[in-house]
Amino acid sequence: MYKGIIFDVDGVLVDSMPYHAKAWVDVFSGFGIKVTEEDIYEIEGSNHAGVIDIFFKKAGRTPEPGMYDLILERKREHFLRNNHAKAFVGMYQCLSYLKDRFRLAVASGADRTIVTSLMKKFYPGIFDAIVSGEDVSRGKPDPEPYNQAVAMLGLNKDECLVVENAPLGIRSAKNAGMFCVGIPTYLAGSKLQEADLLVKDHAELIAYLERLADVKP
């Protein structure tokens, strides 16, 4: 019986990835590195250091140590300036219902400022624990983000369910030894086959989560 549910943020709780992707594309362009928005969707879930390493390596370059903080700051400023994200329809009501029955957490690859601002705006008072990309040394697909979320909830891995929408996030949950529900928000479901269960959209996700709540004693 599950006692906790851990959610990715972008693409699961909030329709925000287009603004993250645009920010990364524009910031990398300033460093002479060409990246597409689709490229960003493919590696969604990695923290900022992981994203920087991936695309500098593809460009045959190595980022200088000071570049990590500089790029993160520019990306954060771009996102916050241009962000028009919205919560997915029905998710706040669903989580409000779940909160009385489960311990809830988020585990995101985004930086702490962005994650906390989105949660305060769209899901105030909902979550018992928040893990951002800055709170871990190894981002998704490493299991550290989900391991940390489980520890913060005070539960065991087999007592927690993960909801993810990206390949690296699903792999992170599976590397942590957890059951993972996948939702194809920005990528085709064929790219999320590592998930234990694949729902087709948020309406189906909400129905599934509410069924879990209804059978919980």
N, C-alpha and C. Protein backbone atom coordinates (compact mmCIF):
# COMPACT_ATOMS: atom_id res chain seq x y z
N MET A 1 0.84 -1.20 0.00
CA MET A 1 0.00 0.00 0.00
C MET A 1 0.88 1.25 0.00
N TYR A 2 0.67 2.14 -0.93
CA TYR A 2 1.47 3.35 -1.01
C TYR A 2 1.09 4.33 0.09
N LYS A 3 2.12 4.97 0.65
CA LYS A 3 1.92 6.00 1.67
C LYS A 3 2.37 7.37 1.18
N GLY A 4 3.15 7.39 0.09
CA GLY A 4 3.65 8.65 -0.43
C GLY A 4 3.63 8.67 -1.95
N ILE A 5 3.48 9.87 -2.51
CA ILE A 5 3.54 10.07 -3.96
C ILE A 5 4.51 11.21 -4.24
N ILE A 6 5.43 10.98 -5.16
CA ILE A 6 6.44 11.98 -5.51
C ILE A 6 6.25 12.38 -6.96
N PHE A 7 6.15 13.67 -7.20
CA PHE A 7 5.86 14.18 -8.53
C PHE A 7 7.05 14.95 -9.10
N ASP A 8 7.31 14.74 -10.39
CA ASP A 8 8.13 15.69 -11.11
C ASP A 8 7.27 16.95 -11.25
N VAL A 9 7.90 18.09 -11.56
CA VAL A 9 7.15 19.35 -11.62
C VAL A 9 6.77 19.73 -13.05
N ASP A 10 7.79 20.02 -13.86
CA ASP A 10 7.56 20.52 -15.21
C ASP A 10 7.01 19.41 -16.11
N GLY A 11 5.79 19.62 -16.61
CA GLY A 11 5.17 18.62 -17.47
C GLY A 11 4.27 17.65 -16.72
N VAL A 12 4.37 17.62 -15.41
CA VAL A 12 3.49 16.78 -14.59
C VAL A 12 2.50 17.64 -13.81
N LEU A 13 3.03 18.61 -13.07
CA LEU A 13 2.18 19.51 -12.29
C LEU A 13 1.91 20.82 -13.01
N VAL A 14 2.92 21.30 -13.73
CA VAL A 14 2.85 22.62 -14.36
C VAL A 14 3.25 22.52 -15.82
N ASP A 15 2.49 23.18 -16.69
CA ASP A 15 2.80 23.22 -18.11
C ASP A 15 3.83 24.33 -18.34
N SER A 16 5.08 24.01 -18.08
CA SER A 16 6.14 25.02 -18.03
C SER A 16 7.35 24.71 -18.90
N MET A 17 7.45 23.48 -19.40
CA MET A 17 8.66 23.11 -20.14
C MET A 17 8.93 23.97 -21.38
N PRO A 18 7.91 24.45 -22.11
CA PRO A 18 8.22 25.30 -23.26
C PRO A 18 9.04 26.53 -22.86
N TYR A 19 8.81 27.05 -21.66
CA TYR A 19 9.53 28.25 -21.20
C TYR A 19 10.94 27.88 -20.73
N HIS A 20 11.08 26.71 -20.12
CA HIS A 20 12.42 26.22 -19.79
C HIS A 20 13.22 26.00 -21.07
N ALA A 21 12.60 25.34 -22.05
CA ALA A 21 13.30 25.00 -23.28
C ALA A 21 13.75 26.26 -24.02
N LYS A 22 12.86 27.23 -24.13
CA LYS A 22 13.21 28.48 -24.81
C LYS A 22 14.35 29.19 -24.09
N ALA A 23 14.32 29.16 -22.76
CA ALA A 23 15.39 29.80 -21.98
C ALA A 23 16.73 29.14 -22.25
N TRP A 24 16.75 27.80 -22.23
CA TRP A 24 18.00 27.08 -22.48
C TRP A 24 18.51 27.36 -23.89
N VAL A 25 17.63 27.32 -24.89
CA VAL A 25 18.03 27.55 -26.27
C VAL A 25 18.68 28.92 -26.42
N ASP A 26 18.05 29.94 -25.85
CA ASP A 26 18.57 31.30 -25.98
C ASP A 26 19.88 31.49 -25.23
N VAL A 27 19.96 30.91 -24.03
CA VAL A 27 21.19 31.07 -23.24
C VAL A 27 22.36 30.34 -23.90
N PHE A 28 22.15 29.12 -24.36
CA PHE A 28 23.23 28.39 -25.03
C PHE A 28 23.67 29.11 -26.31
N SER A 29 22.71 29.73 -26.99
CA SER A 29 23.04 30.47 -28.20
C SER A 29 24.05 31.57 -27.89
N GLY A 30 23.92 32.18 -26.73
CA GLY A 30 24.84 33.23 -26.33
C GLY A 30 26.26 32.73 -26.10
N PHE A 31 26.42 31.42 -25.96
CA PHE A 31 27.74 30.81 -25.80
C PHE A 31 28.17 30.10 -27.08
N GLY A 32 27.44 30.36 -28.17
CA GLY A 32 27.81 29.78 -29.45
C GLY A 32 27.47 28.32 -29.60
N ILE A 33 26.50 27.82 -28.81
CA ILE A 33 26.11 26.41 -28.87
C ILE A 33 24.67 26.32 -29.36
N LYS A 34 24.45 25.60 -30.44
CA LYS A 34 23.12 25.46 -31.01
C LYS A 34 22.38 24.30 -30.37
N VAL A 35 21.23 24.61 -29.79
CA VAL A 35 20.39 23.62 -29.13
C VAL A 35 18.95 23.87 -29.57
N THR A 36 18.18 22.83 -29.80
CA THR A 36 16.77 22.99 -30.14
C THR A 36 15.90 22.71 -28.92
N GLU A 37 14.66 23.16 -28.98
CA GLU A 37 13.74 22.89 -27.89
C GLU A 37 13.49 21.39 -27.74
N GLU A 38 13.45 20.67 -28.85
CA GLU A 38 13.28 19.21 -28.79
C GLU A 38 14.45 18.57 -28.07
N ASP A 39 15.66 19.10 -28.27
CA ASP A 39 16.84 18.59 -27.56
C ASP A 39 16.64 18.70 -26.05
N ILE A 40 16.06 19.80 -25.62
CA ILE A 40 15.84 20.01 -24.19
C ILE A 40 14.79 19.05 -23.64
N TYR A 41 13.72 18.83 -24.41
CA TYR A 41 12.69 17.88 -23.96
C TYR A 41 13.27 16.47 -23.77
N GLU A 42 14.24 16.12 -24.61
CA GLU A 42 14.83 14.78 -24.56
C GLU A 42 15.60 14.55 -23.27
N ILE A 43 16.19 15.61 -22.70
CA ILE A 43 17.01 15.44 -21.49
C ILE A 43 16.36 16.12 -20.28
N GLU A 44 15.06 16.37 -20.39
CA GLU A 44 14.32 16.97 -19.28
C GLU A 44 14.51 16.16 -18.00
N GLY A 45 14.72 16.86 -16.90
CA GLY A 45 14.90 16.19 -15.62
C GLY A 45 16.30 16.32 -15.09
N SER A 46 17.26 16.47 -15.98
CA SER A 46 18.63 16.68 -15.53
C SER A 46 18.74 18.04 -14.86
N ASN A 47 19.57 18.17 -13.83
CA ASN A 47 19.74 19.48 -13.21
C ASN A 47 20.60 20.37 -14.10
N HIS A 48 20.78 21.62 -13.71
CA HIS A 48 21.43 22.58 -14.62
C HIS A 48 22.85 22.18 -14.97
N ALA A 49 23.58 21.62 -13.99
CA ALA A 49 24.95 21.20 -14.27
C ALA A 49 24.96 20.07 -15.31
N GLY A 50 24.00 19.16 -15.18
CA GLY A 50 23.91 18.06 -16.14
C GLY A 50 23.57 18.55 -17.53
N VAL A 51 22.64 19.51 -17.63
CA VAL A 51 22.25 20.06 -18.93
C VAL A 51 23.45 20.75 -19.59
N ILE A 52 24.16 21.53 -18.82
CA ILE A 52 25.34 22.24 -19.34
C ILE A 52 26.39 21.25 -19.82
N ASP A 53 26.66 20.23 -19.03
CA ASP A 53 27.67 19.22 -19.42
C ASP A 53 27.27 18.51 -20.71
N ILE A 54 26.00 18.15 -20.82
CA ILE A 54 25.53 17.42 -22.00
C ILE A 54 25.77 18.21 -23.28
N PHE A 55 25.36 19.47 -23.28
CA PHE A 55 25.41 20.23 -24.53
C PHE A 55 26.80 20.82 -24.82
N PHE A 56 27.58 21.08 -23.81
CA PHE A 56 28.97 21.47 -24.07
C PHE A 56 29.73 20.28 -24.64
N LYS A 57 29.47 19.09 -24.10
CA LYS A 57 30.15 17.90 -24.62
C LYS A 57 29.77 17.65 -26.07
N LYS A 58 28.48 17.80 -26.41
CA LYS A 58 28.04 17.60 -27.79
C LYS A 58 28.72 18.60 -28.73
N ALA A 59 29.04 19.79 -28.20
CA ALA A 59 29.69 20.81 -29.01
C ALA A 59 31.21 20.65 -29.01
N GLY A 60 31.71 19.61 -28.32
CA GLY A 60 33.15 19.38 -28.27
C GLY A 60 33.89 20.37 -27.39
N ARG A 61 33.17 20.89 -26.39
CA ARG A 61 33.76 21.89 -25.50
C ARG A 61 33.63 21.47 -24.05
N THR A 62 34.45 22.08 -23.21
CA THR A 62 34.38 21.84 -21.77
C THR A 62 34.09 23.16 -21.07
N PRO A 63 33.01 23.24 -20.29
CA PRO A 63 32.69 24.50 -19.62
C PRO A 63 33.72 24.83 -18.54
N GLU A 64 34.09 26.09 -18.48
CA GLU A 64 34.97 26.53 -17.40
C GLU A 64 34.18 26.55 -16.10
N PRO A 65 34.84 26.33 -14.96
CA PRO A 65 34.11 26.22 -13.68
C PRO A 65 33.13 27.36 -13.42
N GLY A 66 33.52 28.58 -13.71
CA GLY A 66 32.66 29.72 -13.43
C GLY A 66 31.44 29.81 -14.32
N MET A 67 31.43 29.06 -15.41
CA MET A 67 30.32 29.11 -16.35
C MET A 67 29.03 28.52 -15.78
N TYR A 68 29.13 27.55 -14.89
CA TYR A 68 27.93 26.88 -14.37
C TYR A 68 27.00 27.88 -13.69
N ASP A 69 27.55 28.66 -12.77
CA ASP A 69 26.72 29.64 -12.06
C ASP A 69 26.23 30.73 -13.00
N LEU A 70 27.08 31.15 -13.93
CA LEU A 70 26.71 32.20 -14.88
C LEU A 70 25.57 31.75 -15.78
N ILE A 71 25.69 30.56 -16.33
CA ILE A 71 24.64 30.05 -17.22
C ILE A 71 23.35 29.82 -16.45
N LEU A 72 23.44 29.28 -15.24
CA LEU A 72 22.24 29.05 -14.43
C LEU A 72 21.54 30.37 -14.16
N GLU A 73 22.28 31.41 -13.80
CA GLU A 73 21.67 32.70 -13.49
C GLU A 73 20.98 33.28 -14.72
N ARG A 74 21.63 33.18 -15.88
CA ARG A 74 21.02 33.71 -17.11
C ARG A 74 19.77 32.92 -17.48
N LYS A 75 19.84 31.61 -17.31
CA LYS A 75 18.68 30.77 -17.64
C LYS A 75 17.53 31.08 -16.69
N ARG A 76 17.82 31.21 -15.41
CA ARG A 76 16.78 31.52 -14.42
C ARG A 76 16.11 32.86 -14.74
N GLU A 77 16.93 33.87 -15.02
CA GLU A 77 16.39 35.19 -15.32
C GLU A 77 15.49 35.15 -16.56
N HIS A 78 15.92 34.42 -17.58
CA HIS A 78 15.14 34.29 -18.82
C HIS A 78 13.80 33.62 -18.52
N PHE A 79 13.84 32.53 -17.77
CA PHE A 79 12.62 31.79 -17.46
C PHE A 79 11.65 32.66 -16.67
N LEU A 80 12.12 33.29 -15.61
CA LEU A 80 11.24 34.07 -14.75
C LEU A 80 10.68 35.29 -15.49
N ARG A 81 11.43 35.83 -16.42
CA ARG A 81 10.99 36.99 -17.18
C ARG A 81 9.93 36.62 -18.21
N ASN A 82 10.03 35.43 -18.78
CA ASN A 82 9.16 35.03 -19.89
C ASN A 82 8.17 33.93 -19.54
N ASN A 83 8.13 33.51 -18.30
CA ASN A 83 7.31 32.39 -17.90
C ASN A 83 5.82 32.73 -17.88
N HIS A 84 5.03 31.93 -18.60
CA HIS A 84 3.58 32.04 -18.56
C HIS A 84 2.97 30.66 -18.27
N ALA A 85 3.66 29.91 -17.44
CA ALA A 85 3.24 28.55 -17.13
C ALA A 85 1.89 28.53 -16.42
N LYS A 86 1.19 27.41 -16.58
CA LYS A 86 -0.09 27.20 -15.91
C LYS A 86 -0.11 25.80 -15.30
N ALA A 87 -0.84 25.67 -14.22
CA ALA A 87 -1.05 24.34 -13.64
C ALA A 87 -1.95 23.55 -14.58
N PHE A 88 -1.70 22.25 -14.68
CA PHE A 88 -2.57 21.41 -15.51
C PHE A 88 -3.96 21.33 -14.87
N VAL A 89 -4.95 21.37 -15.72
CA VAL A 89 -6.34 21.39 -15.26
C VAL A 89 -6.64 20.20 -14.35
N GLY A 90 -7.18 20.50 -13.19
CA GLY A 90 -7.62 19.47 -12.27
C GLY A 90 -6.56 18.97 -11.30
N MET A 91 -5.29 19.34 -11.52
CA MET A 91 -4.24 18.77 -10.66
C MET A 91 -4.25 19.35 -9.25
N TYR A 92 -4.54 20.63 -9.10
CA TYR A 92 -4.59 21.18 -7.74
C TYR A 92 -5.70 20.51 -6.93
N GLN A 93 -6.85 20.38 -7.53
CA GLN A 93 -7.97 19.73 -6.82
C GLN A 93 -7.64 18.29 -6.49
N CYS A 94 -6.98 17.60 -7.42
CA CYS A 94 -6.58 16.21 -7.18
C CYS A 94 -5.61 16.11 -6.01
N LEU A 95 -4.58 16.94 -6.02
CA LEU A 95 -3.58 16.89 -4.96
C LEU A 95 -4.16 17.31 -3.61
N SER A 96 -5.09 18.23 -3.62
CA SER A 96 -5.75 18.62 -2.37
C SER A 96 -6.49 17.42 -1.77
N TYR A 97 -7.08 16.61 -2.64
CA TYR A 97 -7.77 15.39 -2.21
C TYR A 97 -6.78 14.35 -1.71
N LEU A 98 -5.66 14.22 -2.42
CA LEU A 98 -4.64 13.24 -2.04
C LEU A 98 -3.96 13.58 -0.72
N LYS A 99 -3.85 14.87 -0.43
CA LYS A 99 -3.05 15.31 0.71
C LYS A 99 -3.51 14.73 2.04
N ASP A 100 -4.78 14.48 2.17
CA ASP A 100 -5.29 13.90 3.42
C ASP A 100 -5.03 12.40 3.52
N ARG A 101 -4.54 11.80 2.43
CA ARG A 101 -4.39 10.35 2.39
C ARG A 101 -2.95 9.89 2.15
N PHE A 102 -2.09 10.78 1.63
CA PHE A 102 -0.70 10.44 1.33
C PHE A 102 0.22 11.58 1.76
N ARG A 103 1.50 11.22 1.97
CA ARG A 103 2.53 12.25 2.08
C ARG A 103 2.97 12.57 0.65
N LEU A 104 3.14 13.85 0.35
CA LEU A 104 3.40 14.28 -1.01
C LEU A 104 4.72 15.05 -1.13
N ALA A 105 5.43 14.81 -2.23
CA ALA A 105 6.70 15.50 -2.46
C ALA A 105 6.85 15.80 -3.94
N VAL A 106 7.76 16.73 -4.23
CA VAL A 106 8.18 16.96 -5.61
C VAL A 106 9.68 16.75 -5.70
N ALA A 107 10.12 16.26 -6.86
CA ALA A 107 11.55 16.08 -7.14
C ALA A 107 11.78 16.59 -8.56
N SER A 108 12.39 17.75 -8.66
CA SER A 108 12.56 18.42 -9.95
C SER A 108 14.03 18.65 -10.26
N GLY A 109 14.33 18.72 -11.56
CA GLY A 109 15.68 19.07 -11.98
C GLY A 109 15.91 20.56 -12.06
N ALA A 110 14.84 21.35 -11.98
CA ALA A 110 14.95 22.81 -12.07
C ALA A 110 15.59 23.37 -10.81
N ASP A 111 16.08 24.61 -10.91
CA ASP A 111 16.74 25.19 -9.73
C ASP A 111 15.72 25.58 -8.67
N ARG A 112 16.21 25.77 -7.46
CA ARG A 112 15.35 25.94 -6.29
C ARG A 112 14.43 27.16 -6.41
N THR A 113 14.95 28.27 -6.92
CA THR A 113 14.15 29.48 -7.03
C THR A 113 12.92 29.25 -7.90
N ILE A 114 13.11 28.58 -9.02
CA ILE A 114 12.01 28.33 -9.94
C ILE A 114 11.02 27.32 -9.35
N VAL A 115 11.53 26.23 -8.79
CA VAL A 115 10.64 25.20 -8.24
C VAL A 115 9.77 25.78 -7.12
N THR A 116 10.38 26.49 -6.18
CA THR A 116 9.61 27.02 -5.05
C THR A 116 8.62 28.08 -5.51
N SER A 117 8.99 28.89 -6.50
CA SER A 117 8.06 29.91 -6.98
C SER A 117 6.84 29.28 -7.64
N LEU A 118 7.06 28.21 -8.42
CA LEU A 118 5.94 27.53 -9.07
C LEU A 118 5.03 26.85 -8.05
N MET A 119 5.62 26.23 -7.03
CA MET A 119 4.82 25.55 -6.02
C MET A 119 4.01 26.53 -5.18
N LYS A 120 4.63 27.67 -4.83
CA LYS A 120 3.91 28.68 -4.04
C LYS A 120 2.76 29.28 -4.84
N LYS A 121 2.95 29.42 -6.14
CA LYS A 121 1.92 30.03 -6.98
C LYS A 121 0.77 29.07 -7.26
N PHE A 122 1.09 27.82 -7.59
CA PHE A 122 0.06 26.90 -8.06
C PHE A 122 -0.36 25.84 -7.04
N TYR A 123 0.52 25.48 -6.09
CA TYR A 123 0.21 24.40 -5.15
C TYR A 123 0.58 24.78 -3.72
N PRO A 124 0.11 25.92 -3.25
CA PRO A 124 0.49 26.35 -1.89
C PRO A 124 0.00 25.39 -0.82
N GLY A 125 0.90 25.05 0.09
CA GLY A 125 0.52 24.21 1.23
C GLY A 125 0.29 22.76 0.93
N ILE A 126 0.63 22.33 -0.28
CA ILE A 126 0.33 20.94 -0.67
C ILE A 126 1.44 19.97 -0.28
N PHE A 127 2.70 20.35 -0.49
CA PHE A 127 3.79 19.37 -0.42
C PHE A 127 4.51 19.33 0.92
N ASP A 128 4.83 18.10 1.32
CA ASP A 128 5.56 17.87 2.57
C ASP A 128 7.07 17.97 2.36
N ALA A 129 7.53 17.83 1.12
CA ALA A 129 8.97 17.89 0.83
C ALA A 129 9.17 18.37 -0.60
N ILE A 130 10.22 19.16 -0.81
CA ILE A 130 10.57 19.66 -2.14
C ILE A 130 12.06 19.43 -2.37
N VAL A 131 12.38 18.76 -3.47
CA VAL A 131 13.76 18.54 -3.87
C VAL A 131 13.96 19.21 -5.23
N SER A 132 14.92 20.13 -5.30
CA SER A 132 15.23 20.82 -6.55
C SER A 132 16.54 20.30 -7.12
N GLY A 133 16.86 20.76 -8.32
CA GLY A 133 18.12 20.35 -8.94
C GLY A 133 19.34 20.81 -8.19
N GLU A 134 19.20 21.89 -7.42
CA GLU A 134 20.33 22.40 -6.64
C GLU A 134 20.52 21.64 -5.32
N ASP A 135 19.56 20.81 -4.96
CA ASP A 135 19.63 20.10 -3.69
C ASP A 135 20.34 18.76 -3.79
N VAL A 136 20.75 18.40 -5.01
CA VAL A 136 21.43 17.11 -5.21
C VAL A 136 22.74 17.34 -5.96
N SER A 137 23.68 16.45 -5.75
CA SER A 137 24.95 16.55 -6.48
C SER A 137 24.87 15.83 -7.81
N ARG A 138 23.97 14.87 -7.92
CA ARG A 138 23.78 14.12 -9.16
C ARG A 138 22.30 14.14 -9.55
N GLY A 139 22.01 14.78 -10.67
CA GLY A 139 20.63 14.89 -11.11
C GLY A 139 20.14 13.65 -11.82
N LYS A 140 18.88 13.65 -12.22
CA LYS A 140 18.30 12.55 -12.99
C LYS A 140 19.12 12.33 -14.26
N PRO A 141 19.40 11.10 -14.64
CA PRO A 141 18.77 9.82 -14.26
C PRO A 141 19.35 9.14 -13.02
N ASP A 142 20.28 9.80 -12.33
CA ASP A 142 20.77 9.23 -11.07
C ASP A 142 19.59 9.13 -10.09
N PRO A 143 19.59 8.13 -9.21
CA PRO A 143 18.47 7.97 -8.28
C PRO A 143 18.46 8.98 -7.14
N GLU A 144 19.52 9.80 -7.00
CA GLU A 144 19.62 10.69 -5.84
C GLU A 144 18.39 11.57 -5.60
N PRO A 145 17.81 12.22 -6.63
CA PRO A 145 16.64 13.07 -6.35
C PRO A 145 15.49 12.33 -5.69
N TYR A 146 15.20 11.12 -6.17
CA TYR A 146 14.08 10.36 -5.59
C TYR A 146 14.46 9.72 -4.26
N ASN A 147 15.70 9.31 -4.13
CA ASN A 147 16.15 8.81 -2.82
C ASN A 147 16.01 9.88 -1.75
N GLN A 148 16.38 11.11 -2.11
CA GLN A 148 16.30 12.20 -1.15
C GLN A 148 14.85 12.53 -0.81
N ALA A 149 13.99 12.52 -1.80
CA ALA A 149 12.57 12.79 -1.54
C ALA A 149 11.96 11.76 -0.61
N VAL A 150 12.28 10.49 -0.84
CA VAL A 150 11.78 9.41 0.03
C VAL A 150 12.25 9.62 1.46
N ALA A 151 13.53 9.95 1.61
CA ALA A 151 14.08 10.17 2.96
C ALA A 151 13.39 11.35 3.64
N MET A 152 13.14 12.41 2.90
CA MET A 152 12.48 13.58 3.49
C MET A 152 11.04 13.30 3.90
N LEU A 153 10.40 12.36 3.20
CA LEU A 153 9.04 11.96 3.58
C LEU A 153 9.02 11.00 4.75
N GLY A 154 10.19 10.44 5.08
CA GLY A 154 10.27 9.48 6.18
C GLY A 154 9.65 8.14 5.85
N LEU A 155 9.71 7.76 4.58
CA LEU A 155 9.10 6.52 4.12
C LEU A 155 10.13 5.60 3.50
N ASN A 156 9.70 4.39 3.15
CA ASN A 156 10.55 3.46 2.40
C ASN A 156 10.22 3.57 0.92
N LYS A 157 11.16 3.14 0.08
CA LYS A 157 10.96 3.23 -1.37
C LYS A 157 9.72 2.49 -1.84
N ASP A 158 9.48 1.32 -1.26
CA ASP A 158 8.34 0.53 -1.72
C ASP A 158 7.01 1.10 -1.24
N GLU A 159 7.06 2.16 -0.43
CA GLU A 159 5.85 2.81 0.02
C GLU A 159 5.51 4.05 -0.82
N CYS A 160 6.36 4.34 -1.83
CA CYS A 160 6.20 5.56 -2.61
C CYS A 160 6.00 5.28 -4.10
N LEU A 161 5.18 6.09 -4.70
CA LEU A 161 4.89 6.06 -6.13
C LEU A 161 5.44 7.33 -6.75
N VAL A 162 6.00 7.22 -7.96
CA VAL A 162 6.54 8.38 -8.67
C VAL A 162 5.70 8.66 -9.91
N VAL A 163 5.50 9.95 -10.22
CA VAL A 163 4.83 10.35 -11.46
C VAL A 163 5.81 11.20 -12.26
N GLU A 164 6.11 10.76 -13.48
CA GLU A 164 7.12 11.41 -14.32
C GLU A 164 6.62 11.57 -15.76
N ASN A 165 7.23 12.50 -16.49
CA ASN A 165 6.86 12.69 -17.89
C ASN A 165 8.06 12.66 -18.84
N ALA A 166 9.25 12.35 -18.31
CA ALA A 166 10.45 12.41 -19.14
C ALA A 166 11.30 11.15 -18.97
N PRO A 167 12.01 10.74 -20.02
CA PRO A 167 12.81 9.52 -19.95
C PRO A 167 13.84 9.51 -18.81
N LEU A 168 14.57 10.61 -18.63
CA LEU A 168 15.59 10.63 -17.57
C LEU A 168 14.96 10.56 -16.18
N GLY A 169 13.79 11.17 -16.04
CA GLY A 169 13.10 11.13 -14.75
C GLY A 169 12.59 9.73 -14.44
N ILE A 170 12.03 9.08 -15.45
CA ILE A 170 11.56 7.70 -15.26
C ILE A 170 12.73 6.81 -14.89
N ARG A 171 13.85 6.98 -15.58
CA ARG A 171 15.03 6.17 -15.29
C ARG A 171 15.53 6.43 -13.88
N SER A 172 15.46 7.68 -13.43
CA SER A 172 15.87 8.02 -12.07
C SER A 172 15.01 7.27 -11.05
N ALA A 173 13.70 7.27 -11.28
CA ALA A 173 12.80 6.56 -10.36
C ALA A 173 13.07 5.07 -10.36
N LYS A 174 13.28 4.50 -11.55
CA LYS A 174 13.55 3.08 -11.63
C LYS A 174 14.91 2.74 -11.03
N ASN A 175 15.90 3.60 -11.22
CA ASN A 175 17.21 3.39 -10.60
C ASN A 175 17.12 3.44 -9.08
N ALA A 176 16.10 4.15 -8.59
CA ALA A 176 15.88 4.20 -7.14
C ALA A 176 15.04 3.02 -6.66
N GLY A 177 14.62 2.17 -7.59
CA GLY A 177 13.84 1.00 -7.24
C GLY A 177 12.39 1.29 -6.92
N MET A 178 11.81 2.28 -7.61
CA MET A 178 10.45 2.69 -7.30
C MET A 178 9.50 2.48 -8.48
N PHE A 179 8.22 2.31 -8.16
CA PHE A 179 7.18 2.19 -9.18
C PHE A 179 6.96 3.56 -9.79
N CYS A 180 6.89 3.62 -11.13
CA CYS A 180 6.78 4.91 -11.80
C CYS A 180 5.64 4.93 -12.81
N VAL A 181 4.81 5.96 -12.71
CA VAL A 181 3.75 6.21 -13.68
C VAL A 181 4.26 7.27 -14.65
N GLY A 182 4.15 7.01 -15.95
CA GLY A 182 4.60 7.95 -16.96
C GLY A 182 3.43 8.63 -17.64
N ILE A 183 3.60 9.92 -17.96
CA ILE A 183 2.59 10.65 -18.71
C ILE A 183 3.27 11.39 -19.86
N PRO A 184 2.85 11.16 -21.11
CA PRO A 184 3.52 11.73 -22.28
C PRO A 184 3.08 13.16 -22.56
N THR A 185 3.59 14.10 -21.79
CA THR A 185 3.17 15.50 -21.93
C THR A 185 3.78 16.17 -23.15
N TYR A 186 5.10 16.04 -23.29
CA TYR A 186 5.80 16.73 -24.38
C TYR A 186 6.46 15.77 -25.36
N LEU A 187 6.63 14.53 -24.96
CA LEU A 187 7.22 13.52 -25.82
C LEU A 187 6.22 12.40 -26.06
N ALA A 188 6.41 11.66 -27.13
CA ALA A 188 5.53 10.54 -27.43
C ALA A 188 5.65 9.45 -26.37
N GLY A 189 4.56 8.75 -26.13
CA GLY A 189 4.57 7.67 -25.15
C GLY A 189 5.60 6.61 -25.45
N SER A 190 5.97 6.45 -26.72
CA SER A 190 6.97 5.45 -27.10
C SER A 190 8.33 5.73 -26.47
N LYS A 191 8.55 6.97 -26.04
CA LYS A 191 9.83 7.33 -25.42
C LYS A 191 9.79 7.18 -23.90
N LEU A 192 8.67 6.70 -23.38
CA LEU A 192 8.51 6.57 -21.92
C LEU A 192 8.25 5.13 -21.52
N GLN A 193 8.76 4.20 -22.33
CA GLN A 193 8.43 2.79 -22.13
C GLN A 193 9.04 2.17 -20.88
N GLU A 194 9.98 2.87 -20.25
CA GLU A 194 10.56 2.33 -19.01
C GLU A 194 9.62 2.49 -17.82
N ALA A 195 8.57 3.29 -17.98
CA ALA A 195 7.60 3.46 -16.89
C ALA A 195 6.85 2.16 -16.64
N ASP A 196 6.45 1.94 -15.40
CA ASP A 196 5.68 0.73 -15.05
C ASP A 196 4.25 0.83 -15.56
N LEU A 197 3.75 2.05 -15.62
CA LEU A 197 2.39 2.29 -16.09
C LEU A 197 2.40 3.58 -16.89
N LEU A 198 1.78 3.58 -18.06
CA LEU A 198 1.72 4.77 -18.90
C LEU A 198 0.27 5.20 -19.04
N VAL A 199 -0.02 6.44 -18.61
CA VAL A 199 -1.36 7.00 -18.80
C VAL A 199 -1.33 7.89 -20.04
N LYS A 200 -2.48 8.15 -20.65
CA LYS A 200 -2.47 8.89 -21.92
C LYS A 200 -2.49 10.40 -21.73
N ASP A 201 -3.04 10.88 -20.60
CA ASP A 201 -3.12 12.33 -20.39
C ASP A 201 -3.39 12.62 -18.91
N HIS A 202 -3.54 13.90 -18.58
CA HIS A 202 -3.74 14.27 -17.17
C HIS A 202 -5.09 13.82 -16.63
N ALA A 203 -6.09 13.78 -17.47
CA ALA A 203 -7.39 13.30 -17.00
C ALA A 203 -7.29 11.85 -16.53
N GLU A 204 -6.56 11.04 -17.29
CA GLU A 204 -6.38 9.63 -16.91
C GLU A 204 -5.49 9.51 -15.68
N LEU A 205 -4.49 10.38 -15.58
CA LEU A 205 -3.63 10.38 -14.40
C LEU A 205 -4.43 10.71 -13.15
N ILE A 206 -5.25 11.74 -13.23
CA ILE A 206 -6.07 12.14 -12.08
C ILE A 206 -7.01 11.02 -11.66
N ALA A 207 -7.63 10.38 -12.61
CA ALA A 207 -8.55 9.27 -12.30
C ALA A 207 -7.80 8.14 -11.60
N TYR A 208 -6.59 7.84 -12.07
CA TYR A 208 -5.78 6.78 -11.47
C TYR A 208 -5.41 7.13 -10.03
N LEU A 209 -4.93 8.36 -9.81
CA LEU A 209 -4.52 8.77 -8.47
C LEU A 209 -5.70 8.80 -7.51
N GLU A 210 -6.83 9.23 -7.98
CA GLU A 210 -8.01 9.29 -7.09
C GLU A 210 -8.50 7.89 -6.76
N ARG A 211 -8.33 6.95 -7.68
CA ARG A 211 -8.68 5.56 -7.36
C ARG A 211 -7.76 5.02 -6.26
N LEU A 212 -6.48 5.36 -6.34
CA LEU A 212 -5.56 4.94 -5.28
C LEU A 212 -5.98 5.50 -3.93
N ALA A 213 -6.39 6.74 -3.94
CA ALA A 213 -6.81 7.38 -2.68
C ALA A 213 -8.07 6.74 -2.14
N ASP A 214 -8.97 6.36 -3.02
CA ASP A 214 -10.25 5.79 -2.58
C ASP A 214 -10.11 4.40 -1.96
N VAL A 215 -9.05 3.66 -2.36
CA VAL A 215 -8.87 2.32 -1.79
C VAL A 215 -7.95 2.33 -0.59
N LYS A 216 -7.32 3.49 -0.29
CA LYS A 216 -6.43 3.57 0.85
C LYS A 216 -7.24 3.63 2.12
N PRO A 217 -6.97 2.73 3.09
CA PRO A 217 -7.75 2.71 4.31
C PRO A 217 -7.51 3.95 5.18
